[in-house]
Amino acid sequence: MNTVKRFHKLALVVCLSSLLFLSLGKVVSTSAGKWEDPKELTFAVLPQEISAMSAEMYQPLINYLKKVTGKPVAFYMTTSYAAEVEAMMGGFVDLARLGPTSYVIAHEKDPNIEVFAVHTTPKGVVQKGGAGYHGCLITKKGSGLTSIDKLRGKTLGLTDPASTSGCLVPKVFFPDDQLGGEPLEKYFGKIIWTGRHDAAMLAVQEGRADAAFTNGANMERTIKAGLVKKEWYNFLWWSPVIPRDPWCWRKNLKPELREKIKKALFTFESGKVEGADKFWKDMAAIKFIEADNSLYDSVRKLREAKKKLKK
């Protein structure tokens, strides 16, 4: 299937099925019962910053994937985690960078979607570094909103319903930790959805939200991109550690192909691969390491806590 037709079909699948993703329906398996060896690999991400920046940022990795696997690699930027997952379930996306919560939901729906790698980060001006990150609550410096008790009745920005640090952690940990168990919807006067993390930061800076939840990793990257500055914000709360974004594949890909994909990621090192230095700088990260499904057990516990809260 040529690239144009492939993406037309992909877009159709996403439009028809993305709304199904967030409901916890029965598990759906896309496994064909045999190994798949596609002529072209399709790699999908949800833009972490502005779309053009993301496309440029991933190009060195895409080039190296092509070189190591010997296959063309089509790059696709989705509009939501749901779109990424539905495309993987439909067999139209082979590799994807998901969020921790969206991965857990995806794996519940289709065990064929499997994490195999995670990126690690250095200690930075905001983030604490390692294979995990921390969610945070920010307000605009100079707004006078310097404590959580001043936020009652204000406008809060959340990112994506399937985002871990932008939605799940705030709804599960923050109320118990800071609000005496009071739900966000009651404490804040209004909640808006920003979509991306950089958009949440800018919503606070531009006054469209009084406060917003994001995380240190995305804040670090957005600062390095020159879109925001640390000194623009007050940091009112930090969450417990959250495992980083999972890099996933469809595990019914041919084992030899999966080994080549792993080799590509785990040898994509600064100073050794063309463009790797810039990629890791833009990612505010260091390298890929192996990861498996058990790394996200803490996220599963978060989801269970959220279900109990709803009850």
C-alpha atoms as a PDB file:
ATOM      1  CA  MET A   1       0.000   0.000   0.000  1.00  0.00           C
ATOM      2  CA  ASN A   2       1.542   3.359  -0.947  1.00  0.00           C
ATOM      3  CA  THR A   3       2.014   6.041   1.706  1.00  0.00           C
ATOM      4  CA  VAL A   4      -0.839   8.292   0.538  1.00  0.00           C
ATOM      5  CA  LYS A   5      -3.395   5.478   0.507  1.00  0.00           C
ATOM      6  CA  ARG A   6      -2.052   4.187   3.818  1.00  0.00           C
ATOM      7  CA  PHE A   7      -2.642   7.511   5.525  1.00  0.00           C
ATOM      8  CA  HIS A   8      -6.060   8.028   3.970  1.00  0.00           C
ATOM      9  CA  LYS A   9      -7.066   4.669   5.396  1.00  0.00           C
ATOM     10  CA  LEU A  10      -5.411   5.504   8.715  1.00  0.00           C
ATOM     11  CA  ALA A  11      -7.288   8.776   8.961  1.00  0.00           C
ATOM     12  CA  LEU A  12     -10.575   7.002   8.306  1.00  0.00           C
ATOM     13  CA  VAL A  13      -9.905   4.435  11.037  1.00  0.00           C
ATOM     14  CA  VAL A  14      -8.990   7.155  13.524  1.00  0.00           C
ATOM     15  CA  CYS A  15     -12.071   9.236  12.759  1.00  0.00           C
ATOM     16  CA  LEU A  16     -14.429   6.276  13.090  1.00  0.00           C
ATOM     17  CA  SER A  17     -12.960   4.690  16.193  1.00  0.00           C
ATOM     18  CA  SER A  18     -11.026   7.144  18.377  1.00  0.00           C
ATOM     19  CA  LEU A  19     -14.028   7.873  20.585  1.00  0.00           C
ATOM     20  CA  LEU A  20     -14.142   4.200  21.554  1.00  0.00           C
ATOM     21  CA  PHE A  21     -10.675   4.287  23.111  1.00  0.00           C
ATOM     22  CA  LEU A  22     -11.468   5.981  26.395  1.00  0.00           C
ATOM     23  CA  SER A  23     -14.312   3.633  27.245  1.00  0.00           C
ATOM     24  CA  LEU A  24     -13.227   0.410  28.933  1.00  0.00           C
ATOM     25  CA  GLY A  25     -14.932  -2.033  26.619  1.00  0.00           C
ATOM     26  CA  LYS A  26     -13.952  -5.623  25.921  1.00  0.00           C
ATOM     27  CA  VAL A  27     -10.407  -6.412  24.904  1.00  0.00           C
ATOM     28  CA  VAL A  28      -9.819  -6.338  21.159  1.00  0.00           C
ATOM     29  CA  SER A  29      -6.923  -8.237  19.616  1.00  0.00           C
ATOM     30  CA  THR A  30      -5.416  -7.248  16.271  1.00  0.00           C
ATOM     31  CA  SER A  31      -3.063 -10.208  16.139  1.00  0.00           C
ATOM     32  CA  ALA A  32      -3.354 -11.982  12.829  1.00  0.00           C
ATOM     33  CA  GLY A  33      -2.037 -15.198  14.364  1.00  0.00           C
ATOM     34  CA  LYS A  34       1.261 -14.946  12.450  1.00  0.00           C
ATOM     35  CA  TRP A  35       4.261 -12.663  12.305  1.00  0.00           C
ATOM     36  CA  GLU A  36       3.948  -9.507  10.222  1.00  0.00           C
ATOM     37  CA  ASP A  37       6.755  -8.013   8.161  1.00  0.00           C
ATOM     38  CA  PRO A  38       5.394  -4.782   6.628  1.00  0.00           C
ATOM     39  CA  LYS A  39       7.163  -3.288   3.656  1.00  0.00           C
ATOM     40  CA  GLU A  40       6.967   0.113   5.351  1.00  0.00           C
ATOM     41  CA  LEU A  41       7.031   0.968   9.067  1.00  0.00           C
ATOM     42  CA  THR A  42       4.670   3.646  10.316  1.00  0.00           C
ATOM     43  CA  PHE A  43       5.761   5.573  13.409  1.00  0.00           C
ATOM     44  CA  ALA A  44       3.237   7.778  15.262  1.00  0.00           C
ATOM     45  CA  VAL A  45       3.571  10.385  17.989  1.00  0.00           C
ATOM     46  CA  LEU A  46       1.392  12.970  19.658  1.00  0.00           C
ATOM     47  CA  PRO A  47       3.148  16.345  19.216  1.00  0.00           C
ATOM     48  CA  GLN A  48       4.735  17.387  22.511  1.00  0.00           C
ATOM     49  CA  GLU A  49       5.252  20.928  21.271  1.00  0.00           C
ATOM     50  CA  ILE A  50       4.277  22.671  18.036  1.00  0.00           C
ATOM     51  CA  SER A  51       3.871  20.214  15.140  1.00  0.00           C
ATOM     52  CA  ALA A  52       6.661  21.519  12.920  1.00  0.00           C
ATOM     53  CA  MET A  53       9.134  21.259  15.781  1.00  0.00           C
ATOM     54  CA  SER A  54       8.122  17.676  16.496  1.00  0.00           C
ATOM     55  CA  ALA A  55       8.494  16.604  12.873  1.00  0.00           C
ATOM     56  CA  GLU A  56      11.954  18.121  12.666  1.00  0.00           C
ATOM     57  CA  MET A  57      12.938  16.729  16.063  1.00  0.00           C
ATOM     58  CA  TYR A  58      12.153  13.101  15.164  1.00  0.00           C
ATOM     59  CA  GLN A  59      13.806  13.115  11.735  1.00  0.00           C
ATOM     60  CA  PRO A  60      17.268  11.863  12.853  1.00  0.00           C
ATOM     61  CA  LEU A  61      15.636   8.915  14.652  1.00  0.00           C
ATOM     62  CA  ILE A  62      13.466   8.161  11.613  1.00  0.00           C
ATOM     63  CA  ASN A  63      16.545   8.221   9.369  1.00  0.00           C
ATOM     64  CA  TYR A  64      18.366   5.811  11.664  1.00  0.00           C
ATOM     65  CA  LEU A  65      15.368   3.480  11.858  1.00  0.00           C
ATOM     66  CA  LYS A  66      15.383   3.369   8.057  1.00  0.00           C
ATOM     67  CA  LYS A  67      19.090   2.557   8.005  1.00  0.00           C
ATOM     68  CA  VAL A  68      19.014  -0.200  10.639  1.00  0.00           C
ATOM     69  CA  THR A  69      15.749  -1.887   9.610  1.00  0.00           C
ATOM     70  CA  GLY A  70      16.232  -1.461   5.873  1.00  0.00           C
ATOM     71  CA  LYS A  71      12.622  -0.276   5.543  1.00  0.00           C
ATOM     72  CA  PRO A  72      10.981   3.052   4.669  1.00  0.00           C
ATOM     73  CA  VAL A  73       9.522   4.766   7.740  1.00  0.00           C
ATOM     74  CA  ALA A  74       6.378   6.882   7.466  1.00  0.00           C
ATOM     75  CA  PHE A  75       5.983   9.472  10.227  1.00  0.00           C
ATOM     76  CA  TYR A  76       2.508  10.385  11.475  1.00  0.00           C
ATOM     77  CA  MET A  77       1.562  13.012  14.068  1.00  0.00           C
ATOM     78  CA  THR A  78      -1.780  12.335  15.708  1.00  0.00           C
ATOM     79  CA  THR A  79      -4.257  14.681  17.362  1.00  0.00           C
ATOM     80  CA  SER A  80      -4.717  12.550  20.494  1.00  0.00           C
ATOM     81  CA  TYR A  81      -3.431   9.476  22.282  1.00  0.00           C
ATOM     82  CA  ALA A  82      -6.722   7.806  21.350  1.00  0.00           C
ATOM     83  CA  ALA A  83      -5.934   8.267  17.670  1.00  0.00           C
ATOM     84  CA  GLU A  84      -2.501   6.688  18.085  1.00  0.00           C
ATOM     85  CA  VAL A  85      -3.876   3.656  19.889  1.00  0.00           C
ATOM     86  CA  GLU A  86      -6.774   3.065  17.525  1.00  0.00           C
ATOM     87  CA  ALA A  87      -4.354   3.223  14.594  1.00  0.00           C
ATOM     88  CA  MET A  88      -2.102   0.626  16.275  1.00  0.00           C
ATOM     89  CA  MET A  89      -5.097  -1.600  17.032  1.00  0.00           C
ATOM     90  CA  GLY A  90      -6.115  -1.381  13.390  1.00  0.00           C
ATOM     91  CA  GLY A  91      -2.621  -2.413  12.282  1.00  0.00           C
ATOM     92  CA  PHE A  92      -1.931   0.874  10.505  1.00  0.00           C
ATOM     93  CA  VAL A  93       0.744   2.085  12.960  1.00  0.00           C
ATOM     94  CA  ASP A  94       3.644  -0.177  13.899  1.00  0.00           C
ATOM     95  CA  LEU A  95       5.555   1.997  16.376  1.00  0.00           C
ATOM     96  CA  ALA A  96       4.339   4.748  18.684  1.00  0.00           C
ATOM     97  CA  ARG A  97       5.372   6.908  21.573  1.00  0.00           C
ATOM     98  CA  LEU A  98       2.415   6.882  23.964  1.00  0.00           C
ATOM     99  CA  GLY A  99       1.712   8.414  27.359  1.00  0.00           C
ATOM    100  CA  PRO A 100       1.838   6.158  30.441  1.00  0.00           C
ATOM    101  CA  THR A 101      -1.928   6.143  30.985  1.00  0.00           C
ATOM    102  CA  SER A 102      -2.792   5.771  27.316  1.00  0.00           C
ATOM    103  CA  TYR A 103      -0.397   2.805  27.145  1.00  0.00           C
ATOM    104  CA  VAL A 104      -2.039   1.065  30.103  1.00  0.00           C
ATOM    105  CA  ILE A 105      -5.483   1.525  28.546  1.00  0.00           C
ATOM    106  CA  ALA A 106      -4.172   0.387  25.161  1.00  0.00           C
ATOM    107  CA  HIS A 107      -2.572  -2.760  26.580  1.00  0.00           C
ATOM    108  CA  GLU A 108      -5.804  -3.622  28.392  1.00  0.00           C
ATOM    109  CA  LYS A 109      -7.713  -3.323  25.137  1.00  0.00           C
ATOM    110  CA  ASP A 110      -5.116  -5.033  22.969  1.00  0.00           C
ATOM    111  CA  PRO A 111      -2.154  -6.917  24.515  1.00  0.00           C
ATOM    112  CA  ASN A 112      -0.567  -6.840  21.065  1.00  0.00           C
ATOM    113  CA  ILE A 113       0.437  -3.233  21.884  1.00  0.00           C
ATOM    114  CA  GLU A 114       3.576  -3.636  23.969  1.00  0.00           C
ATOM    115  CA  VAL A 115       6.160  -1.286  25.487  1.00  0.00           C
ATOM    116  CA  PHE A 116       9.778  -2.132  24.724  1.00  0.00           C
ATOM    117  CA  ALA A 117      11.723   1.044  25.541  1.00  0.00           C
ATOM    118  CA  VAL A 118      11.699   4.206  27.632  1.00  0.00           C
ATOM    119  CA  HIS A 119      13.934   7.261  27.470  1.00  0.00           C
ATOM    120  CA  THR A 120      15.905   8.574  30.431  1.00  0.00           C
ATOM    121  CA  THR A 121      16.698  12.177  31.245  1.00  0.00           C
ATOM    122  CA  PRO A 122      19.368  14.132  33.121  1.00  0.00           C
ATOM    123  CA  LYS A 123      18.670  16.386  36.072  1.00  0.00           C
ATOM    124  CA  GLY A 124      17.728  19.778  34.672  1.00  0.00           C
ATOM    125  CA  VAL A 125      16.507  23.210  35.677  1.00  0.00           C
ATOM    126  CA  VAL A 126      13.046  21.762  36.379  1.00  0.00           C
ATOM    127  CA  GLN A 127      13.016  17.973  36.093  1.00  0.00           C
ATOM    128  CA  LYS A 128      14.687  15.627  38.567  1.00  0.00           C
ATOM    129  CA  GLY A 129      16.038  13.188  35.972  1.00  0.00           C
ATOM    130  CA  GLY A 130      16.024   9.398  35.531  1.00  0.00           C
ATOM    131  CA  ALA A 131      13.495   6.997  34.005  1.00  0.00           C
ATOM    132  CA  GLY A 132      10.589   8.754  35.697  1.00  0.00           C
ATOM    133  CA  TYR A 133       9.179  12.253  35.952  1.00  0.00           C
ATOM    134  CA  HIS A 134       6.967  14.310  38.247  1.00  0.00           C
ATOM    135  CA  GLY A 135       3.737  16.167  37.554  1.00  0.00           C
ATOM    136  CA  CYS A 136       3.443  19.754  38.748  1.00  0.00           C
ATOM    137  CA  LEU A 137       0.908  22.526  39.270  1.00  0.00           C
ATOM    138  CA  ILE A 138       1.915  25.924  37.913  1.00  0.00           C
ATOM    139  CA  THR A 139       0.600  29.471  38.124  1.00  0.00           C
ATOM    140  CA  LYS A 140       1.843  32.681  36.533  1.00  0.00           C
ATOM    141  CA  LYS A 141       4.551  34.556  38.389  1.00  0.00           C
ATOM    142  CA  GLY A 142       3.184  37.934  39.463  1.00  0.00           C
ATOM    143  CA  SER A 143      -0.438  36.754  39.449  1.00  0.00           C
ATOM    144  CA  GLY A 144      -0.597  36.649  43.232  1.00  0.00           C
ATOM    145  CA  LEU A 145      -1.610  32.978  43.025  1.00  0.00           C
ATOM    146  CA  THR A 146       1.232  31.735  45.171  1.00  0.00           C
ATOM    147  CA  SER A 147      -0.564  29.092  47.222  1.00  0.00           C
ATOM    148  CA  ILE A 148      -3.119  26.391  46.529  1.00  0.00           C
ATOM    149  CA  ASP A 149      -5.748  27.916  48.818  1.00  0.00           C
ATOM    150  CA  LYS A 150      -5.817  30.990  46.564  1.00  0.00           C
ATOM    151  CA  LEU A 151      -6.921  28.848  43.618  1.00  0.00           C
ATOM    152  CA  ARG A 152     -10.394  27.980  44.877  1.00  0.00           C
ATOM    153  CA  GLY A 153     -12.936  28.999  42.246  1.00  0.00           C
ATOM    154  CA  LYS A 154     -10.268  29.756  39.648  1.00  0.00           C
ATOM    155  CA  THR A 155      -9.813  28.327  36.131  1.00  0.00           C
ATOM    156  CA  LEU A 156      -7.689  25.192  35.893  1.00  0.00           C
ATOM    157  CA  GLY A 157      -6.026  23.822  32.761  1.00  0.00           C
ATOM    158  CA  LEU A 158      -5.765  20.071  32.169  1.00  0.00           C
ATOM    159  CA  THR A 159      -4.170  18.615  29.027  1.00  0.00           C
ATOM    160  CA  ASP A 160      -5.649  15.400  27.596  1.00  0.00           C
ATOM    161  CA  PRO A 161      -8.121  13.004  29.274  1.00  0.00           C
ATOM    162  CA  ALA A 162      -5.635  10.171  28.628  1.00  0.00           C
ATOM    163  CA  SER A 163      -2.633  12.133  29.924  1.00  0.00           C
ATOM    164  CA  THR A 164      -1.023  10.856  33.114  1.00  0.00           C
ATOM    165  CA  SER A 165       0.488  14.058  34.501  1.00  0.00           C
ATOM    166  CA  GLY A 166      -2.022  16.324  32.763  1.00  0.00           C
ATOM    167  CA  CYS A 167      -5.178  14.592  34.022  1.00  0.00           C
ATOM    168  CA  LEU A 168      -4.893  11.316  35.949  1.00  0.00           C
ATOM    169  CA  VAL A 169      -2.339  12.326  38.593  1.00  0.00           C
ATOM    170  CA  PRO A 170      -4.116  15.624  39.305  1.00  0.00           C
ATOM    171  CA  LYS A 171      -7.436  13.838  39.770  1.00  0.00           C
ATOM    172  CA  VAL A 172      -6.065  11.000  41.921  1.00  0.00           C
ATOM    173  CA  PHE A 173      -3.150  12.317  43.982  1.00  0.00           C
ATOM    174  CA  PHE A 174      -3.722  16.062  44.213  1.00  0.00           C
ATOM    175  CA  PRO A 175      -7.149  16.064  45.915  1.00  0.00           C
ATOM    176  CA  ASP A 176      -6.010  13.698  48.678  1.00  0.00           C
ATOM    177  CA  ASP A 177      -2.660  15.408  49.058  1.00  0.00           C
ATOM    178  CA  GLN A 178      -3.864  19.022  49.057  1.00  0.00           C
ATOM    179  CA  LEU A 179      -7.660  19.350  49.040  1.00  0.00           C
ATOM    180  CA  GLY A 180      -8.755  16.981  51.775  1.00  0.00           C
ATOM    181  CA  GLY A 181     -10.289  14.702  49.147  1.00  0.00           C
ATOM    182  CA  GLU A 182     -12.368  17.408  47.452  1.00  0.00           C
ATOM    183  CA  PRO A 183     -12.581  16.753  43.669  1.00  0.00           C
ATOM    184  CA  LEU A 184     -10.960  19.179  41.252  1.00  0.00           C
ATOM    185  CA  GLU A 185     -14.350  19.910  39.685  1.00  0.00           C
ATOM    186  CA  LYS A 186     -15.656  21.277  42.983  1.00  0.00           C
ATOM    187  CA  TYR A 187     -12.531  23.108  44.083  1.00  0.00           C
ATOM    188  CA  PHE A 188     -11.922  24.964  40.837  1.00  0.00           C
ATOM    189  CA  GLY A 189     -14.533  27.187  39.235  1.00  0.00           C
ATOM    190  CA  LYS A 190     -13.844  26.001  35.693  1.00  0.00           C
ATOM    191  CA  ILE A 191     -11.712  23.357  33.973  1.00  0.00           C
ATOM    192  CA  ILE A 192     -10.440  23.787  30.404  1.00  0.00           C
ATOM    193  CA  TRP A 193      -8.696  21.211  28.181  1.00  0.00           C
ATOM    194  CA  THR A 194      -5.526  22.447  26.491  1.00  0.00           C
ATOM    195  CA  GLY A 195      -4.542  19.332  24.503  1.00  0.00           C
ATOM    196  CA  ARG A 196      -0.754  19.597  24.730  1.00  0.00           C
ATOM    197  CA  HIS A 197       1.507  20.357  27.676  1.00  0.00           C
ATOM    198  CA  ASP A 198       3.121  23.405  26.079  1.00  0.00           C
ATOM    199  CA  ALA A 199      -0.405  24.723  25.434  1.00  0.00           C
ATOM    200  CA  ALA A 200      -1.189  24.330  29.143  1.00  0.00           C
ATOM    201  CA  MET A 201       1.900  26.355  30.047  1.00  0.00           C
ATOM    202  CA  LEU A 202       1.009  29.073  27.551  1.00  0.00           C
ATOM    203  CA  ALA A 203      -2.613  29.128  28.754  1.00  0.00           C
ATOM    204  CA  VAL A 204      -1.313  30.105  32.197  1.00  0.00           C
ATOM    205  CA  GLN A 205       1.145  32.641  30.836  1.00  0.00           C
ATOM    206  CA  GLU A 206      -1.498  34.244  28.598  1.00  0.00           C
ATOM    207  CA  GLY A 207      -4.156  34.335  31.314  1.00  0.00           C
ATOM    208  CA  ARG A 208      -6.567  31.814  29.807  1.00  0.00           C
ATOM    209  CA  ALA A 209      -6.054  29.583  32.839  1.00  0.00           C
ATOM    210  CA  ASP A 210      -5.147  30.635  36.366  1.00  0.00           C
ATOM    211  CA  ALA A 211      -3.302  27.369  36.977  1.00  0.00           C
ATOM    212  CA  ALA A 212      -2.463  24.221  35.033  1.00  0.00           C
ATOM    213  CA  PHE A 213      -1.055  20.757  35.560  1.00  0.00           C
ATOM    214  CA  THR A 214       1.926  19.679  33.477  1.00  0.00           C
ATOM    215  CA  ASN A 215       5.179  17.875  34.298  1.00  0.00           C
ATOM    216  CA  GLY A 216       8.845  18.613  34.755  1.00  0.00           C
ATOM    217  CA  ALA A 217       9.937  16.702  31.653  1.00  0.00           C
ATOM    218  CA  ASN A 218       7.682  18.616  29.245  1.00  0.00           C
ATOM    219  CA  MET A 219       8.429  21.859  31.049  1.00  0.00           C
ATOM    220  CA  GLU A 220      12.160  21.215  30.616  1.00  0.00           C
ATOM    221  CA  ARG A 221      11.762  20.510  26.912  1.00  0.00           C
ATOM    222  CA  THR A 222       9.520  23.521  26.327  1.00  0.00           C
ATOM    223  CA  ILE A 223      11.973  25.773  28.147  1.00  0.00           C
ATOM    224  CA  LYS A 224      14.838  24.463  25.999  1.00  0.00           C
ATOM    225  CA  ALA A 225      12.734  25.131  22.893  1.00  0.00           C
ATOM    226  CA  GLY A 226      12.488  28.773  23.962  1.00  0.00           C
ATOM    227  CA  LEU A 227       8.687  28.749  24.209  1.00  0.00           C
ATOM    228  CA  VAL A 228       8.534  29.453  27.956  1.00  0.00           C
ATOM    229  CA  LYS A 229      10.876  30.347  30.813  1.00  0.00           C
ATOM    230  CA  LYS A 230      11.057  28.787  34.267  1.00  0.00           C
ATOM    231  CA  GLU A 231      10.907  32.203  35.897  1.00  0.00           C
ATOM    232  CA  TRP A 232       7.466  32.834  34.373  1.00  0.00           C
ATOM    233  CA  TYR A 233       5.884  30.365  36.788  1.00  0.00           C
ATOM    234  CA  ASN A 234       5.231  29.502  40.399  1.00  0.00           C
ATOM    235  CA  PHE A 235       5.498  25.766  41.121  1.00  0.00           C
ATOM    236  CA  LEU A 236       2.896  25.018  43.790  1.00  0.00           C
ATOM    237  CA  TRP A 237       2.916  21.207  43.890  1.00  0.00           C
ATOM    238  CA  TRP A 238       4.935  18.193  42.716  1.00  0.00           C
ATOM    239  CA  SER A 239       3.519  14.702  42.305  1.00  0.00           C
ATOM    240  CA  PRO A 240       5.047  11.326  43.203  1.00  0.00           C
ATOM    241  CA  VAL A 241       7.254   9.825  40.470  1.00  0.00           C
ATOM    242  CA  ILE A 242       5.595   8.718  37.204  1.00  0.00           C
ATOM    243  CA  PRO A 243       7.258   6.339  34.700  1.00  0.00           C
ATOM    244  CA  ARG A 244       8.231   8.044  31.456  1.00  0.00           C
ATOM    245  CA  ASP A 245       6.512   7.759  28.074  1.00  0.00           C
ATOM    246  CA  PRO A 246       6.551   4.194  26.730  1.00  0.00           C
ATOM    247  CA  TRP A 247       7.862   3.527  23.233  1.00  0.00           C
ATOM    248  CA  CYS A 248       5.665   0.754  21.878  1.00  0.00           C
ATOM    249  CA  TRP A 249       5.351  -1.641  18.983  1.00  0.00           C
ATOM    250  CA  ARG A 250       2.893  -4.195  17.743  1.00  0.00           C
ATOM    251  CA  LYS A 251       4.465  -7.353  19.155  1.00  0.00           C
ATOM    252  CA  ASN A 252       3.196  -9.466  16.271  1.00  0.00           C
ATOM    253  CA  LEU A 253       5.853  -7.820  14.115  1.00  0.00           C
ATOM    254  CA  LYS A 254       8.390 -10.366  12.927  1.00  0.00           C
ATOM    255  CA  PRO A 255      10.937 -11.077  15.730  1.00  0.00           C
ATOM    256  CA  GLU A 256      13.876 -10.251  13.439  1.00  0.00           C
ATOM    257  CA  LEU A 257      12.273  -6.895  12.665  1.00  0.00           C
ATOM    258  CA  ARG A 258      11.664  -6.142  16.334  1.00  0.00           C
ATOM    259  CA  GLU A 259      15.311  -6.915  17.082  1.00  0.00           C
ATOM    260  CA  LYS A 260      16.364  -4.414  14.417  1.00  0.00           C
ATOM    261  CA  ILE A 261      14.013  -1.783  15.872  1.00  0.00           C
ATOM    262  CA  LYS A 262      15.494  -2.358  19.338  1.00  0.00           C
ATOM    263  CA  LYS A 263      19.000  -2.125  17.924  1.00  0.00           C
ATOM    264  CA  ALA A 264      18.124   1.172  16.259  1.00  0.00           C
ATOM    265  CA  LEU A 265      16.833   2.757  19.448  1.00  0.00           C
ATOM    266  CA  PHE A 266      19.442   1.357  21.825  1.00  0.00           C
ATOM    267  CA  THR A 267      22.378   2.368  19.608  1.00  0.00           C
ATOM    268  CA  PHE A 268      20.956   5.807  18.819  1.00  0.00           C
ATOM    269  CA  GLU A 269      23.669   7.566  20.805  1.00  0.00           C
ATOM    270  CA  SER A 270      25.050  11.084  20.875  1.00  0.00           C
ATOM    271  CA  GLY A 271      28.363  11.345  19.069  1.00  0.00           C
ATOM    272  CA  LYS A 272      27.808   8.065  17.221  1.00  0.00           C
ATOM    273  CA  VAL A 273      24.732   8.641  15.033  1.00  0.00           C
ATOM    274  CA  GLU A 274      24.149  11.651  12.800  1.00  0.00           C
ATOM    275  CA  GLY A 275      21.580  13.974  14.337  1.00  0.00           C
ATOM    276  CA  ALA A 276      21.402  12.103  17.661  1.00  0.00           C
ATOM    277  CA  ASP A 277      22.986  14.978  19.579  1.00  0.00           C
ATOM    278  CA  LYS A 278      20.259  17.382  18.480  1.00  0.00           C
ATOM    279  CA  PHE A 279      17.502  14.837  19.016  1.00  0.00           C
ATOM    280  CA  TRP A 280      18.506  14.183  22.625  1.00  0.00           C
ATOM    281  CA  LYS A 281      18.972  17.896  23.223  1.00  0.00           C
ATOM    282  CA  ASP A 282      15.476  18.619  21.895  1.00  0.00           C
ATOM    283  CA  MET A 283      14.083  15.734  23.957  1.00  0.00           C
ATOM    284  CA  ALA A 284      15.966  16.933  27.056  1.00  0.00           C
ATOM    285  CA  ALA A 285      16.921  13.274  27.422  1.00  0.00           C
ATOM    286  CA  ILE A 286      19.986  11.014  27.319  1.00  0.00           C
ATOM    287  CA  LYS A 287      19.237   7.597  25.837  1.00  0.00           C
ATOM    288  CA  PHE A 288      16.777   4.707  25.440  1.00  0.00           C
ATOM    289  CA  ILE A 289      16.737   1.775  27.845  1.00  0.00           C
ATOM    290  CA  GLU A 290      14.714  -1.434  27.803  1.00  0.00           C
ATOM    291  CA  ALA A 291      11.305  -1.419  29.485  1.00  0.00           C
ATOM    292  CA  ASP A 292       8.502  -3.907  29.969  1.00  0.00           C
ATOM    293  CA  ASN A 293       4.856  -3.913  30.899  1.00  0.00           C
ATOM    294  CA  SER A 294       5.508  -4.148  34.669  1.00  0.00           C
ATOM    295  CA  LEU A 295       7.085  -0.676  34.713  1.00  0.00           C
ATOM    296  CA  TYR A 296       3.579   0.772  34.386  1.00  0.00           C
ATOM    297  CA  ASP A 297       2.032  -1.083  37.329  1.00  0.00           C
ATOM    298  CA  SER A 298       2.105   2.181  39.307  1.00  0.00           C
ATOM    299  CA  VAL A 299      -0.044   3.780  36.616  1.00  0.00           C
ATOM    300  CA  ARG A 300      -2.479   0.879  36.863  1.00  0.00           C
ATOM    301  CA  LYS A 301      -2.738   1.571  40.589  1.00  0.00           C
ATOM    302  CA  LEU A 302      -3.525   5.196  39.767  1.00  0.00           C
ATOM    303  CA  ARG A 303      -6.313   4.091  37.459  1.00  0.00           C
ATOM    304  CA  GLU A 304      -7.769   1.827  40.125  1.00  0.00           C
ATOM    305  CA  ALA A 305      -7.708   4.686  42.598  1.00  0.00           C
ATOM    306  CA  LYS A 306      -9.534   6.878  40.093  1.00  0.00           C
ATOM    307  CA  LYS A 307     -12.235   4.229  39.636  1.00  0.00           C
ATOM    308  CA  LYS A 308     -12.747   4.122  43.409  1.00  0.00           C
ATOM    309  CA  LEU A 309     -13.016   7.896  43.482  1.00  0.00           C
ATOM    310  CA  LYS A 310     -15.786   7.780  40.859  1.00  0.00           C
ATOM    311  CA  LYS A 311     -17.703   5.223  42.901  1.00  0.00           C
END
